[in-house]
Amino acid sequence: YTQGSAAAAGRRRELGTLEVGKLADIAVLDRNLLTCDDEDIQKTQVLATFMGGRCVFEREA
């Protein structure tokens, strides 16, 4: 959810921004997709995935 959709759903207190105490679905990647070379995007690895504020996947070191 973005701030706007969280507000429209009446869930602004629990969704919409990354803050302590809010739920979040987010993937942590090993590189910044906005700044890496185009040819490196396909090499991107997911380091961790969070759903509802809980870690559901973490890549082993």
Protein backbone atom coordinates (compact mmCIF):
# COMPACT_ATOMS: atom_id res chain seq x y z
CA TYR A 1 0.00 0.00 0.00
CA THR A 2 1.03 3.57 -0.57
CA GLN A 3 -0.04 6.38 1.71
CA GLY A 4 -2.97 7.28 -0.54
CA SER A 5 -4.39 3.79 -0.83
CA ALA A 6 -3.92 3.16 2.91
CA ALA A 7 -5.86 6.35 3.64
CA ALA A 8 -8.61 5.42 1.17
CA ALA A 9 -8.93 2.03 2.87
CA GLY A 10 -9.13 3.71 6.28
CA ARG A 11 -5.95 1.91 7.41
CA ARG A 12 -3.52 4.84 7.64
CA ARG A 13 -2.50 3.88 11.19
CA GLU A 14 -1.28 0.43 10.14
CA LEU A 15 -0.27 0.74 6.45
CA GLY A 16 1.10 3.18 3.91
CA THR A 17 4.58 4.05 5.18
CA LEU A 18 7.60 2.20 6.54
CA GLU A 19 7.45 2.99 10.24
CA VAL A 20 7.86 1.13 13.51
CA GLY A 21 4.58 -0.53 14.43
CA LYS A 22 3.15 -0.59 10.89
CA LEU A 23 2.68 -3.64 8.69
CA ALA A 24 4.92 -3.88 5.64
CA ASP A 25 5.43 -6.06 2.58
CA ILE A 26 8.91 -5.39 1.24
CA ALA A 27 11.76 -7.17 -0.51
CA VAL A 28 15.38 -6.35 0.37
CA LEU A 29 17.64 -6.65 -2.68
CA ASP A 30 21.41 -6.86 -3.02
CA ARG A 31 21.59 -3.80 -5.27
CA ASN A 32 19.77 -0.58 -6.06
CA LEU A 33 17.74 -1.22 -9.22
CA LEU A 34 17.54 2.51 -9.92
CA THR A 35 21.31 2.99 -10.09
CA CYS A 36 22.81 -0.33 -11.21
CA ASP A 37 23.74 -1.05 -14.82
CA ASP A 38 20.89 -2.42 -16.92
CA GLU A 39 22.77 -5.65 -17.62
CA ASP A 40 23.15 -6.28 -13.87
CA ILE A 41 19.43 -6.16 -13.07
CA GLN A 42 18.97 -9.82 -14.04
CA LYS A 43 21.69 -10.76 -11.50
CA THR A 44 19.74 -9.22 -8.61
CA GLN A 45 19.32 -11.44 -5.56
CA VAL A 46 16.63 -11.16 -2.92
CA LEU A 47 18.26 -10.95 0.52
CA ALA A 48 15.07 -10.94 2.57
CA THR A 49 11.30 -10.69 2.16
CA PHE A 50 8.92 -9.24 4.73
CA MET A 51 5.15 -9.71 4.62
CA GLY A 52 2.84 -8.10 7.13
CA GLY A 53 5.91 -6.80 8.94
CA ARG A 54 7.34 -10.30 9.49
CA CYS A 55 10.40 -11.81 7.83
CA VAL A 56 9.22 -14.75 5.70
CA PHE A 57 12.47 -15.30 3.78
CA GLU A 58 16.11 -14.58 4.54
CA ARG A 59 18.94 -15.67 2.26
CA GLU A 60 21.64 -17.62 4.05
CA ALA A 61 25.09 -15.99 4.08
